[in-house]
Amino acid sequence: MTVHFVRPVDDPASPSGGNAYDRRVVHGLGQVRDVEVPGAWPRPDPAARAALGRVLAAIADGSVVVLDGLVACGVPEVVVPHADRLRLVVLVHLPLADETGLDPAVASRLDAAEGECLRAVRAVVATSPSAARRLMSHHSLARVHVVAPGVDPAPSATGTDGASRLLCVASVTPRKGHDVLVRALASVADLSWTCAFVGAQRWPVREVVERHGLGSRIELPGPLTGPLLDRAYATADLFVLASWAETYGMVVTEALARGVPVVASAVPDALGDGGVLLPAGDVGAFAGALRRWLTDDAWRRDLRGRALARRRQLSTWDVTAAGLAEVLASLRP
């Protein structure tokens, strides 16, 4: 069975968890026609909408088509007309209205469009149990399949001095909560630490960093890949992420795969019992956790033990691809 996989253009200069997931399952599924569609998804211009329409129209009746939710969910007028003749599957990485900073009217339109699209297709796949439950409840769906991301095995991180090197890997956007982290870090400026914010900068976080006088302690290297990203993880003592919303949080399992302790918000499924889960947006909670991490040897040992235990529970990308293949095989013509 050949699967058609329709996804956004993969931009190496702006890596994302969703694109990484798509790449890995495309590779793992085997017989896949991989189709990247350019456009400002989920709100593309007319040319991008027309191009997606042509892609779908060219696929033979009865074919299995997996659409990345970023491409599909904002344009039901393009996708839904093909729902009766194609076996459509939508893979939701993040509900569209969950993106932080959207105008309320835009968020409402995207939410309605997403619901229309997801109710029309043959199957919906989410990347975590909590995301699946939310989609089912919010959009009145009878079922949402869960296919969680995998992670590559990695050597244990060496860290630095065991405490002071902090790492956050996330695109610098309002949803990722870098401003929360900056304010929390400012409250522990009396202690010794440095932190790297690794990710494409789509929001002016440097201004916030400078306003709090942390320009010499918070590094903004931009997006890193390959050996440079591996080194960032390897030298980290603690991984921190203050997201307002996530459906999974692949960077968390990337840290845990190396035995790096984690303090984060909005990532219950990825984190499991492997670290400290804090309320999203709670500057005080993050500040308290950071101060304890930097001053309490026993607590650091406990968090390292939790990270190592969670490391042994992590799944692989082969399991992820097999899980998606099972969903696709269940679709009958």
C-alpha atoms as a PDB file:
ATOM      1  CA  MET A   1       0.000   0.000   0.000  1.00  0.00           C
ATOM      2  CA  THR A   2       1.449   3.348  -1.068  1.00  0.00           C
ATOM      3  CA  VAL A   3       0.724   6.172   1.349  1.00  0.00           C
ATOM      4  CA  HIS A   4       0.632   9.798   0.263  1.00  0.00           C
ATOM      5  CA  PHE A   5       2.026  12.050   3.001  1.00  0.00           C
ATOM      6  CA  VAL A   6       1.245  15.760   2.570  1.00  0.00           C
ATOM      7  CA  ARG A   7       3.153  18.136   4.821  1.00  0.00           C
ATOM      8  CA  PRO A   8       4.574  21.675   5.016  1.00  0.00           C
ATOM      9  CA  VAL A   9       7.883  22.451   3.377  1.00  0.00           C
ATOM     10  CA  ASP A  10      10.653  21.437   5.750  1.00  0.00           C
ATOM     11  CA  ASP A  11      12.775  24.535   6.401  1.00  0.00           C
ATOM     12  CA  PRO A  12      16.209  23.573   7.833  1.00  0.00           C
ATOM     13  CA  ALA A  13      16.659  27.154   9.068  1.00  0.00           C
ATOM     14  CA  SER A  14      13.568  26.858  11.241  1.00  0.00           C
ATOM     15  CA  PRO A  15      13.360  23.310  12.640  1.00  0.00           C
ATOM     16  CA  SER A  16      10.230  22.205  14.484  1.00  0.00           C
ATOM     17  CA  GLY A  17       9.082  19.123  16.322  1.00  0.00           C
ATOM     18  CA  GLY A  18       6.206  18.642  13.901  1.00  0.00           C
ATOM     19  CA  ASN A  19       8.479  18.631  10.879  1.00  0.00           C
ATOM     20  CA  ALA A  20      10.902  16.268  12.604  1.00  0.00           C
ATOM     21  CA  TYR A  21       8.051  13.861  13.412  1.00  0.00           C
ATOM     22  CA  ASP A  22       6.830  13.961   9.810  1.00  0.00           C
ATOM     23  CA  ARG A  23      10.304  13.223   8.444  1.00  0.00           C
ATOM     24  CA  ARG A  24      10.833  10.277  10.741  1.00  0.00           C
ATOM     25  CA  VAL A  25       7.513   8.575  10.043  1.00  0.00           C
ATOM     26  CA  VAL A  26       7.845   9.162   6.285  1.00  0.00           C
ATOM     27  CA  HIS A  27      11.181   7.369   6.466  1.00  0.00           C
ATOM     28  CA  GLY A  28       9.830   4.618   8.698  1.00  0.00           C
ATOM     29  CA  LEU A  29       6.646   3.837   6.771  1.00  0.00           C
ATOM     30  CA  GLY A  30       8.440   2.634   3.665  1.00  0.00           C
ATOM     31  CA  GLN A  31       6.173   2.988   0.609  1.00  0.00           C
ATOM     32  CA  VAL A  32       5.394   6.690   0.864  1.00  0.00           C
ATOM     33  CA  ARG A  33       4.916   9.410  -1.690  1.00  0.00           C
ATOM     34  CA  ASP A  34       6.222  12.399   0.270  1.00  0.00           C
ATOM     35  CA  VAL A  35       4.647  15.688  -0.841  1.00  0.00           C
ATOM     36  CA  GLU A  36       5.784  19.024   0.603  1.00  0.00           C
ATOM     37  CA  VAL A  37       3.425  21.932  -0.068  1.00  0.00           C
ATOM     38  CA  PRO A  38       4.706  25.495   0.240  1.00  0.00           C
ATOM     39  CA  GLY A  39       2.535  28.061   1.953  1.00  0.00           C
ATOM     40  CA  ALA A  40       1.981  30.124   5.089  1.00  0.00           C
ATOM     41  CA  TRP A  41       0.058  27.340   6.797  1.00  0.00           C
ATOM     42  CA  PRO A  42      -2.452  27.277   8.440  1.00  0.00           C
ATOM     43  CA  ARG A  43      -3.474  30.550   6.758  1.00  0.00           C
ATOM     44  CA  PRO A  44      -2.161  30.180   3.199  1.00  0.00           C
ATOM     45  CA  ASP A  45      -2.686  32.548   0.306  1.00  0.00           C
ATOM     46  CA  PRO A  46      -4.937  31.582  -2.638  1.00  0.00           C
ATOM     47  CA  ALA A  47      -2.000  30.200  -4.638  1.00  0.00           C
ATOM     48  CA  ALA A  48      -1.046  27.787  -1.858  1.00  0.00           C
ATOM     49  CA  ARG A  49      -4.673  26.707  -1.420  1.00  0.00           C
ATOM     50  CA  ALA A  50      -4.930  26.024  -5.130  1.00  0.00           C
ATOM     51  CA  ALA A  51      -1.671  24.058  -5.087  1.00  0.00           C
ATOM     52  CA  LEU A  52      -2.943  21.842  -2.253  1.00  0.00           C
ATOM     53  CA  GLY A  53      -6.171  21.328  -4.161  1.00  0.00           C
ATOM     54  CA  ARG A  54      -4.224  20.179  -7.215  1.00  0.00           C
ATOM     55  CA  VAL A  55      -2.153  17.766  -5.105  1.00  0.00           C
ATOM     56  CA  LEU A  56      -5.274  16.130  -3.668  1.00  0.00           C
ATOM     57  CA  ALA A  57      -7.114  16.071  -7.006  1.00  0.00           C
ATOM     58  CA  ALA A  58      -4.222  14.193  -8.611  1.00  0.00           C
ATOM     59  CA  ILE A  59      -4.366  11.324  -6.086  1.00  0.00           C
ATOM     60  CA  ALA A  60      -6.295   8.249  -7.222  1.00  0.00           C
ATOM     61  CA  ASP A  61      -9.620   7.358  -5.627  1.00  0.00           C
ATOM     62  CA  GLY A  62      -9.335   5.109  -2.582  1.00  0.00           C
ATOM     63  CA  SER A  63      -5.750   6.109  -1.777  1.00  0.00           C
ATOM     64  CA  VAL A  64      -4.555   6.589   1.789  1.00  0.00           C
ATOM     65  CA  VAL A  65      -3.479  10.191   2.369  1.00  0.00           C
ATOM     66  CA  VAL A  66      -1.913  11.487   5.578  1.00  0.00           C
ATOM     67  CA  LEU A  67      -2.134  15.255   5.940  1.00  0.00           C
ATOM     68  CA  ASP A  68      -0.158  17.231   8.495  1.00  0.00           C
ATOM     69  CA  GLY A  69      -2.735  19.153  10.513  1.00  0.00           C
ATOM     70  CA  LEU A  70      -0.938  22.436   9.938  1.00  0.00           C
ATOM     71  CA  VAL A  71      -1.690  22.060   6.226  1.00  0.00           C
ATOM     72  CA  ALA A  72      -5.145  20.493   6.434  1.00  0.00           C
ATOM     73  CA  CYS A  73      -6.975  21.973   9.375  1.00  0.00           C
ATOM     74  CA  GLY A  74      -7.146  25.598   8.306  1.00  0.00           C
ATOM     75  CA  VAL A  75      -8.575  24.888   4.843  1.00  0.00           C
ATOM     76  CA  PRO A  76     -11.546  22.509   5.111  1.00  0.00           C
ATOM     77  CA  GLU A  77     -12.928  23.995   1.891  1.00  0.00           C
ATOM     78  CA  VAL A  78      -9.932  22.390   0.106  1.00  0.00           C
ATOM     79  CA  VAL A  79      -9.713  19.122   2.062  1.00  0.00           C
ATOM     80  CA  VAL A  80     -13.304  18.102   2.828  1.00  0.00           C
ATOM     81  CA  PRO A  81     -14.457  17.746  -0.834  1.00  0.00           C
ATOM     82  CA  HIS A  82     -11.993  14.847  -1.154  1.00  0.00           C
ATOM     83  CA  ALA A  83     -13.114  13.053   2.034  1.00  0.00           C
ATOM     84  CA  ASP A  84     -15.537  10.695   0.268  1.00  0.00           C
ATOM     85  CA  ARG A  85     -13.142   9.447  -2.388  1.00  0.00           C
ATOM     86  CA  LEU A  86      -9.830   9.383  -0.473  1.00  0.00           C
ATOM     87  CA  ARG A  87      -8.966   7.700   2.815  1.00  0.00           C
ATOM     88  CA  LEU A  88      -7.865  10.881   4.559  1.00  0.00           C
ATOM     89  CA  VAL A  89      -5.950  10.897   7.849  1.00  0.00           C
ATOM     90  CA  VAL A  90      -5.040  14.114   9.649  1.00  0.00           C
ATOM     91  CA  LEU A  91      -2.035  14.157  11.965  1.00  0.00           C
ATOM     92  CA  VAL A  92      -2.497  16.901  14.564  1.00  0.00           C
ATOM     93  CA  HIS A  93       0.729  18.226  16.071  1.00  0.00           C
ATOM     94  CA  LEU A  94      -0.921  21.235  17.742  1.00  0.00           C
ATOM     95  CA  PRO A  95      -4.553  22.387  17.656  1.00  0.00           C
ATOM     96  CA  LEU A  96      -4.514  25.548  15.569  1.00  0.00           C
ATOM     97  CA  ALA A  97      -6.194  27.790  18.144  1.00  0.00           C
ATOM     98  CA  ASP A  98      -3.616  26.814  20.784  1.00  0.00           C
ATOM     99  CA  GLU A  99      -0.944  28.970  19.200  1.00  0.00           C
ATOM    100  CA  THR A 100      -0.248  31.785  21.668  1.00  0.00           C
ATOM    101  CA  GLY A 101      -0.791  35.377  20.593  1.00  0.00           C
ATOM    102  CA  LEU A 102      -3.499  34.858  17.986  1.00  0.00           C
ATOM    103  CA  ASP A 103      -6.189  37.475  17.614  1.00  0.00           C
ATOM    104  CA  PRO A 104      -9.325  35.977  19.244  1.00  0.00           C
ATOM    105  CA  ALA A 105     -11.316  36.262  16.022  1.00  0.00           C
ATOM    106  CA  VAL A 106      -8.564  34.475  14.067  1.00  0.00           C
ATOM    107  CA  ALA A 107      -8.313  31.772  16.721  1.00  0.00           C
ATOM    108  CA  SER A 108     -12.076  31.240  16.588  1.00  0.00           C
ATOM    109  CA  ARG A 109     -12.074  30.894  12.785  1.00  0.00           C
ATOM    110  CA  LEU A 110      -9.159  28.453  12.860  1.00  0.00           C
ATOM    111  CA  ASP A 111     -10.816  26.415  15.589  1.00  0.00           C
ATOM    112  CA  ALA A 112     -14.063  26.145  13.611  1.00  0.00           C
ATOM    113  CA  ALA A 113     -12.172  25.224  10.435  1.00  0.00           C
ATOM    114  CA  GLU A 114     -10.215  22.559  12.297  1.00  0.00           C
ATOM    115  CA  GLY A 115     -13.358  20.987  13.702  1.00  0.00           C
ATOM    116  CA  GLU A 116     -14.984  20.867  10.263  1.00  0.00           C
ATOM    117  CA  CYS A 117     -11.912  19.207   8.782  1.00  0.00           C
ATOM    118  CA  LEU A 118     -11.381  16.635  11.546  1.00  0.00           C
ATOM    119  CA  ARG A 119     -15.031  15.551  11.615  1.00  0.00           C
ATOM    120  CA  ALA A 120     -14.944  14.888   7.856  1.00  0.00           C
ATOM    121  CA  VAL A 121     -11.812  12.728   7.526  1.00  0.00           C
ATOM    122  CA  ARG A 122     -11.470   8.976   7.988  1.00  0.00           C
ATOM    123  CA  ALA A 123      -9.092   9.121  10.965  1.00  0.00           C
ATOM    124  CA  VAL A 124      -7.423  11.634  13.264  1.00  0.00           C
ATOM    125  CA  VAL A 125      -4.043  11.009  14.885  1.00  0.00           C
ATOM    126  CA  ALA A 126      -2.662  12.905  17.873  1.00  0.00           C
ATOM    127  CA  THR A 127       0.810  12.653  19.354  1.00  0.00           C
ATOM    128  CA  SER A 128      -0.167  12.170  23.002  1.00  0.00           C
ATOM    129  CA  PRO A 129      -3.051  10.786  25.088  1.00  0.00           C
ATOM    130  CA  SER A 130      -3.855  14.197  26.575  1.00  0.00           C
ATOM    131  CA  ALA A 131      -3.987  15.790  23.111  1.00  0.00           C
ATOM    132  CA  ALA A 132      -6.262  12.994  21.875  1.00  0.00           C
ATOM    133  CA  ARG A 133      -8.665  13.452  24.779  1.00  0.00           C
ATOM    134  CA  ARG A 134      -8.818  17.182  24.210  1.00  0.00           C
ATOM    135  CA  LEU A 135      -9.479  16.839  20.481  1.00  0.00           C
ATOM    136  CA  MET A 136     -12.242  14.291  21.086  1.00  0.00           C
ATOM    137  CA  SER A 137     -13.968  16.470  23.647  1.00  0.00           C
ATOM    138  CA  HIS A 138     -13.478  19.808  21.926  1.00  0.00           C
ATOM    139  CA  HIS A 139     -14.430  18.747  18.396  1.00  0.00           C
ATOM    140  CA  SER A 140     -16.953  15.996  19.277  1.00  0.00           C
ATOM    141  CA  LEU A 141     -14.891  13.228  17.690  1.00  0.00           C
ATOM    142  CA  ALA A 142     -15.726   9.587  18.366  1.00  0.00           C
ATOM    143  CA  ARG A 143     -12.101   8.503  18.290  1.00  0.00           C
ATOM    144  CA  VAL A 144      -8.606   9.921  17.997  1.00  0.00           C
ATOM    145  CA  HIS A 145      -5.659   7.559  17.572  1.00  0.00           C
ATOM    146  CA  VAL A 146      -2.503   8.177  19.611  1.00  0.00           C
ATOM    147  CA  VAL A 147       0.896   7.723  17.984  1.00  0.00           C
ATOM    148  CA  ALA A 148       3.507   9.255  20.252  1.00  0.00           C
ATOM    149  CA  PRO A 149       6.886  10.466  18.984  1.00  0.00           C
ATOM    150  CA  GLY A 150       9.931   8.301  19.422  1.00  0.00           C
ATOM    151  CA  VAL A 151      13.442   9.318  20.355  1.00  0.00           C
ATOM    152  CA  ASP A 152      16.883   8.221  19.238  1.00  0.00           C
ATOM    153  CA  PRO A 153      19.116   6.560  21.832  1.00  0.00           C
ATOM    154  CA  ALA A 154      21.877   8.943  22.887  1.00  0.00           C
ATOM    155  CA  PRO A 155      24.946   8.874  25.143  1.00  0.00           C
ATOM    156  CA  SER A 156      24.590  10.240  28.653  1.00  0.00           C
ATOM    157  CA  ALA A 157      25.206  13.959  28.968  1.00  0.00           C
ATOM    158  CA  THR A 158      28.405  14.914  30.725  1.00  0.00           C
ATOM    159  CA  GLY A 159      27.045  18.286  31.859  1.00  0.00           C
ATOM    160  CA  THR A 160      29.388  20.947  33.213  1.00  0.00           C
ATOM    161  CA  ASP A 161      29.659  21.331  36.975  1.00  0.00           C
ATOM    162  CA  GLY A 162      26.455  19.353  37.568  1.00  0.00           C
ATOM    163  CA  ALA A 163      24.242  22.375  38.210  1.00  0.00           C
ATOM    164  CA  SER A 164      24.906  25.674  36.478  1.00  0.00           C
ATOM    165  CA  ARG A 165      24.507  24.991  32.741  1.00  0.00           C
ATOM    166  CA  LEU A 166      20.852  25.342  31.727  1.00  0.00           C
ATOM    167  CA  LEU A 167      19.386  24.619  28.297  1.00  0.00           C
ATOM    168  CA  CYS A 168      16.104  25.448  26.569  1.00  0.00           C
ATOM    169  CA  VAL A 169      15.521  24.105  23.044  1.00  0.00           C
ATOM    170  CA  ALA A 170      12.432  25.672  21.453  1.00  0.00           C
ATOM    171  CA  SER A 171      11.541  28.071  18.673  1.00  0.00           C
ATOM    172  CA  VAL A 172      11.451  31.525  20.218  1.00  0.00           C
ATOM    173  CA  THR A 173       7.739  32.244  19.940  1.00  0.00           C
ATOM    174  CA  PRO A 174       5.234  33.490  22.549  1.00  0.00           C
ATOM    175  CA  ARG A 175       3.846  29.950  23.050  1.00  0.00           C
ATOM    176  CA  LYS A 176       7.197  28.628  24.249  1.00  0.00           C
ATOM    177  CA  GLY A 177       7.239  30.948  27.281  1.00  0.00           C
ATOM    178  CA  HIS A 178      10.755  32.320  27.014  1.00  0.00           C
ATOM    179  CA  ASP A 179       9.579  35.490  28.770  1.00  0.00           C
ATOM    180  CA  VAL A 180       8.486  33.342  31.724  1.00  0.00           C
ATOM    181  CA  LEU A 181      11.932  31.769  31.848  1.00  0.00           C
ATOM    182  CA  VAL A 182      13.708  35.124  31.626  1.00  0.00           C
ATOM    183  CA  ARG A 183      11.729  36.509  34.568  1.00  0.00           C
ATOM    184  CA  ALA A 184      12.337  33.335  36.579  1.00  0.00           C
ATOM    185  CA  LEU A 185      16.056  33.431  35.788  1.00  0.00           C
ATOM    186  CA  ALA A 186      16.216  37.096  36.779  1.00  0.00           C
ATOM    187  CA  SER A 187      14.987  36.107  40.233  1.00  0.00           C
ATOM    188  CA  VAL A 188      17.991  33.781  40.686  1.00  0.00           C
ATOM    189  CA  ALA A 189      20.548  36.215  39.283  1.00  0.00           C
ATOM    190  CA  ASP A 190      22.366  36.087  42.627  1.00  0.00           C
ATOM    191  CA  LEU A 191      23.354  32.469  41.889  1.00  0.00           C
ATOM    192  CA  SER A 192      25.817  31.066  39.351  1.00  0.00           C
ATOM    193  CA  TRP A 193      24.272  29.861  36.073  1.00  0.00           C
ATOM    194  CA  THR A 194      24.219  30.328  32.303  1.00  0.00           C
ATOM    195  CA  CYS A 195      21.411  29.349  29.952  1.00  0.00           C
ATOM    196  CA  ALA A 196      21.229  28.790  26.191  1.00  0.00           C
ATOM    197  CA  PHE A 197      17.961  29.514  24.356  1.00  0.00           C
ATOM    198  CA  VAL A 198      18.425  27.318  21.269  1.00  0.00           C
ATOM    199  CA  GLY A 199      15.867  27.890  18.514  1.00  0.00           C
ATOM    200  CA  ALA A 200      14.773  30.045  15.599  1.00  0.00           C
ATOM    201  CA  GLN A 201      14.004  33.547  16.832  1.00  0.00           C
ATOM    202  CA  ARG A 202      10.517  34.568  15.720  1.00  0.00           C
ATOM    203  CA  TRP A 203       9.852  36.829  18.697  1.00  0.00           C
ATOM    204  CA  PRO A 204      12.110  39.596  20.118  1.00  0.00           C
ATOM    205  CA  VAL A 205      13.283  37.761  23.233  1.00  0.00           C
ATOM    206  CA  ARG A 206      16.617  39.599  23.198  1.00  0.00           C
ATOM    207  CA  GLU A 207      14.834  42.780  24.292  1.00  0.00           C
ATOM    208  CA  VAL A 208      13.377  40.972  27.317  1.00  0.00           C
ATOM    209  CA  VAL A 209      16.766  39.472  28.163  1.00  0.00           C
ATOM    210  CA  GLU A 210      18.501  42.853  28.023  1.00  0.00           C
ATOM    211  CA  ARG A 211      15.724  44.543  30.011  1.00  0.00           C
ATOM    212  CA  HIS A 212      16.420  42.126  32.874  1.00  0.00           C
ATOM    213  CA  GLY A 213      20.187  42.626  32.641  1.00  0.00           C
ATOM    214  CA  LEU A 214      20.878  39.017  31.631  1.00  0.00           C
ATOM    215  CA  GLY A 215      22.592  39.588  28.286  1.00  0.00           C
ATOM    216  CA  SER A 216      25.867  38.087  29.505  1.00  0.00           C
ATOM    217  CA  ARG A 217      24.187  34.977  30.954  1.00  0.00           C
ATOM    218  CA  ILE A 218      21.517  33.980  28.420  1.00  0.00           C
ATOM    219  CA  GLU A 219      22.880  32.892  25.040  1.00  0.00           C
ATOM    220  CA  LEU A 220      20.806  33.120  21.849  1.00  0.00           C
ATOM    221  CA  PRO A 221      22.631  30.963  19.282  1.00  0.00           C
ATOM    222  CA  GLY A 222      19.598  30.478  17.030  1.00  0.00           C
ATOM    223  CA  PRO A 223      18.597  27.031  15.746  1.00  0.00           C
ATOM    224  CA  LEU A 224      21.152  24.237  16.080  1.00  0.00           C
ATOM    225  CA  THR A 225      21.159  20.839  14.388  1.00  0.00           C
ATOM    226  CA  GLY A 226      23.421  17.807  14.171  1.00  0.00           C
ATOM    227  CA  PRO A 227      26.635  17.801  16.222  1.00  0.00           C
ATOM    228  CA  LEU A 228      26.085  21.359  17.503  1.00  0.00           C
ATOM    229  CA  LEU A 229      22.704  20.434  18.968  1.00  0.00           C
ATOM    230  CA  ASP A 230      24.117  17.189  20.346  1.00  0.00           C
ATOM    231  CA  ARG A 231      26.824  19.196  22.100  1.00  0.00           C
ATOM    232  CA  ALA A 232      24.253  21.589  23.586  1.00  0.00           C
ATOM    233  CA  TYR A 233      22.429  18.642  25.156  1.00  0.00           C
ATOM    234  CA  ALA A 234      25.660  16.903  26.198  1.00  0.00           C
ATOM    235  CA  THR A 235      26.904  19.902  28.167  1.00  0.00           C
ATOM    236  CA  ALA A 236      23.555  20.687  29.837  1.00  0.00           C
ATOM    237  CA  ASP A 237      23.035  20.112  33.551  1.00  0.00           C
ATOM    238  CA  LEU A 238      19.307  20.958  33.487  1.00  0.00           C
ATOM    239  CA  PHE A 239      16.766  21.255  30.678  1.00  0.00           C
ATOM    240  CA  VAL A 240      14.092  23.937  31.087  1.00  0.00           C
ATOM    241  CA  LEU A 241      10.949  24.608  29.046  1.00  0.00           C
ATOM    242  CA  ALA A 242       8.173  27.043  30.003  1.00  0.00           C
ATOM    243  CA  SER A 243       5.676  26.416  27.194  1.00  0.00           C
ATOM    244  CA  TRP A 244       2.104  27.587  27.510  1.00  0.00           C
ATOM    245  CA  ALA A 245       0.835  24.701  25.354  1.00  0.00           C
ATOM    246  CA  GLU A 246       2.308  21.543  23.829  1.00  0.00           C
ATOM    247  CA  THR A 247       0.772  18.367  22.462  1.00  0.00           C
ATOM    248  CA  TYR A 248       3.820  16.333  23.460  1.00  0.00           C
ATOM    249  CA  GLY A 249       7.203  18.050  23.757  1.00  0.00           C
ATOM    250  CA  MET A 250       9.817  16.101  21.802  1.00  0.00           C
ATOM    251  CA  VAL A 251      12.678  18.237  23.114  1.00  0.00           C
ATOM    252  CA  VAL A 252      11.889  16.938  26.591  1.00  0.00           C
ATOM    253  CA  THR A 253      12.419  13.324  25.563  1.00  0.00           C
ATOM    254  CA  GLU A 254      15.563  14.379  23.687  1.00  0.00           C
ATOM    255  CA  ALA A 255      16.902  15.665  27.009  1.00  0.00           C
ATOM    256  CA  LEU A 256      15.726  12.633  28.961  1.00  0.00           C
ATOM    257  CA  ALA A 257      17.299  10.289  26.409  1.00  0.00           C
ATOM    258  CA  ARG A 258      20.608  11.757  27.567  1.00  0.00           C
ATOM    259  CA  GLY A 259      19.729  11.573  31.253  1.00  0.00           C
ATOM    260  CA  VAL A 260      19.381  15.351  31.579  1.00  0.00           C
ATOM    261  CA  PRO A 261      16.924  16.370  34.348  1.00  0.00           C
ATOM    262  CA  VAL A 262      13.946  18.455  33.243  1.00  0.00           C
ATOM    263  CA  VAL A 263      11.885  21.296  34.727  1.00  0.00           C
ATOM    264  CA  ALA A 264       9.016  22.161  32.377  1.00  0.00           C
ATOM    265  CA  SER A 265       5.359  23.014  31.860  1.00  0.00           C
ATOM    266  CA  ALA A 266       2.665  21.703  29.485  1.00  0.00           C
ATOM    267  CA  VAL A 267       4.464  18.405  28.715  1.00  0.00           C
ATOM    268  CA  PRO A 268       2.909  15.741  31.000  1.00  0.00           C
ATOM    269  CA  ASP A 269       3.065  12.898  28.469  1.00  0.00           C
ATOM    270  CA  ALA A 270       6.663  13.454  27.398  1.00  0.00           C
ATOM    271  CA  LEU A 271       7.918  14.082  30.922  1.00  0.00           C
ATOM    272  CA  GLY A 272       6.115  11.297  32.751  1.00  0.00           C
ATOM    273  CA  ASP A 273       7.837  10.901  36.128  1.00  0.00           C
ATOM    274  CA  GLY A 274      11.143  12.048  34.689  1.00  0.00           C
ATOM    275  CA  GLY A 275      11.230  15.556  36.134  1.00  0.00           C
ATOM    276  CA  VAL A 276       9.258  18.455  37.543  1.00  0.00           C
ATOM    277  CA  LEU A 277       6.038  19.567  35.833  1.00  0.00           C
ATOM    278  CA  LEU A 278       5.036  23.143  36.701  1.00  0.00           C
ATOM    279  CA  PRO A 279       1.918  25.206  35.907  1.00  0.00           C
ATOM    280  CA  ALA A 280       2.245  27.057  32.605  1.00  0.00           C
ATOM    281  CA  GLY A 281       3.053  30.729  33.020  1.00  0.00           C
ATOM    282  CA  ASP A 282       3.873  30.471  36.737  1.00  0.00           C
ATOM    283  CA  VAL A 283       7.017  32.578  37.072  1.00  0.00           C
ATOM    284  CA  GLY A 284       7.155  32.001  40.827  1.00  0.00           C
ATOM    285  CA  ALA A 285       7.040  28.228  40.446  1.00  0.00           C
ATOM    286  CA  PHE A 286       9.841  28.263  37.875  1.00  0.00           C
ATOM    287  CA  ALA A 287      11.907  30.627  40.003  1.00  0.00           C
ATOM    288  CA  GLY A 288      11.466  28.397  43.039  1.00  0.00           C
ATOM    289  CA  ALA A 289      12.407  25.261  41.102  1.00  0.00           C
ATOM    290  CA  LEU A 290      15.495  26.926  39.634  1.00  0.00           C
ATOM    291  CA  ARG A 291      16.657  28.180  43.022  1.00  0.00           C
ATOM    292  CA  ARG A 292      16.183  24.748  44.545  1.00  0.00           C
ATOM    293  CA  TRP A 293      18.044  23.117  41.648  1.00  0.00           C
ATOM    294  CA  LEU A 294      20.976  25.506  42.028  1.00  0.00           C
ATOM    295  CA  THR A 295      21.229  25.197  45.823  1.00  0.00           C
ATOM    296  CA  ASP A 296      20.017  21.719  46.838  1.00  0.00           C
ATOM    297  CA  ASP A 297      22.447  18.854  46.114  1.00  0.00           C
ATOM    298  CA  ALA A 298      20.038  16.160  47.284  1.00  0.00           C
ATOM    299  CA  TRP A 299      17.251  17.428  45.038  1.00  0.00           C
ATOM    300  CA  ARG A 300      19.599  17.473  42.042  1.00  0.00           C
ATOM    301  CA  ARG A 301      20.500  13.846  42.712  1.00  0.00           C
ATOM    302  CA  ASP A 302      16.810  12.963  42.948  1.00  0.00           C
ATOM    303  CA  LEU A 303      16.015  14.659  39.626  1.00  0.00           C
ATOM    304  CA  ARG A 304      18.936  12.929  37.923  1.00  0.00           C
ATOM    305  CA  GLY A 305      17.626   9.609  39.182  1.00  0.00           C
ATOM    306  CA  ARG A 306      14.145  10.394  37.839  1.00  0.00           C
ATOM    307  CA  ALA A 307      15.572  11.369  34.452  1.00  0.00           C
ATOM    308  CA  LEU A 308      17.563   8.138  34.199  1.00  0.00           C
ATOM    309  CA  ALA A 309      14.512   6.051  35.135  1.00  0.00           C
ATOM    310  CA  ARG A 310      12.399   7.793  32.499  1.00  0.00           C
ATOM    311  CA  ARG A 311      15.200   7.334  29.965  1.00  0.00           C
ATOM    312  CA  ARG A 312      14.751   3.575  30.196  1.00  0.00           C
ATOM    313  CA  GLN A 313      11.023   3.912  29.387  1.00  0.00           C
ATOM    314  CA  LEU A 314      11.361   5.943  26.185  1.00  0.00           C
ATOM    315  CA  SER A 315      10.193   4.462  22.903  1.00  0.00           C
ATOM    316  CA  THR A 316      11.853   4.565  19.476  1.00  0.00           C
ATOM    317  CA  TRP A 317      10.926   6.019  16.103  1.00  0.00           C
ATOM    318  CA  ASP A 318      10.496   2.501  14.746  1.00  0.00           C
ATOM    319  CA  VAL A 319       7.672   2.005  17.228  1.00  0.00           C
ATOM    320  CA  THR A 320       6.158   5.333  16.143  1.00  0.00           C
ATOM    321  CA  ALA A 321       6.222   4.381  12.463  1.00  0.00           C
ATOM    322  CA  ALA A 322       4.735   0.972  13.274  1.00  0.00           C
ATOM    323  CA  GLY A 323       1.956   2.628  15.261  1.00  0.00           C
ATOM    324  CA  LEU A 324       1.011   4.922  12.401  1.00  0.00           C
ATOM    325  CA  ALA A 325       1.212   2.037   9.940  1.00  0.00           C
ATOM    326  CA  GLU A 326      -1.262   0.119  12.090  1.00  0.00           C
ATOM    327  CA  VAL A 327      -3.705   3.026  11.986  1.00  0.00           C
ATOM    328  CA  LEU A 328      -3.405   3.285   8.203  1.00  0.00           C
ATOM    329  CA  ALA A 329      -3.829  -0.461   7.724  1.00  0.00           C
ATOM    330  CA  SER A 330      -7.110  -0.317   9.638  1.00  0.00           C
ATOM    331  CA  LEU A 331      -8.679   1.999   7.063  1.00  0.00           C
ATOM    332  CA  ARG A 332     -10.890   0.053   4.729  1.00  0.00           C
ATOM    333  CA  PRO A 333     -11.724   1.236   1.180  1.00  0.00           C
END
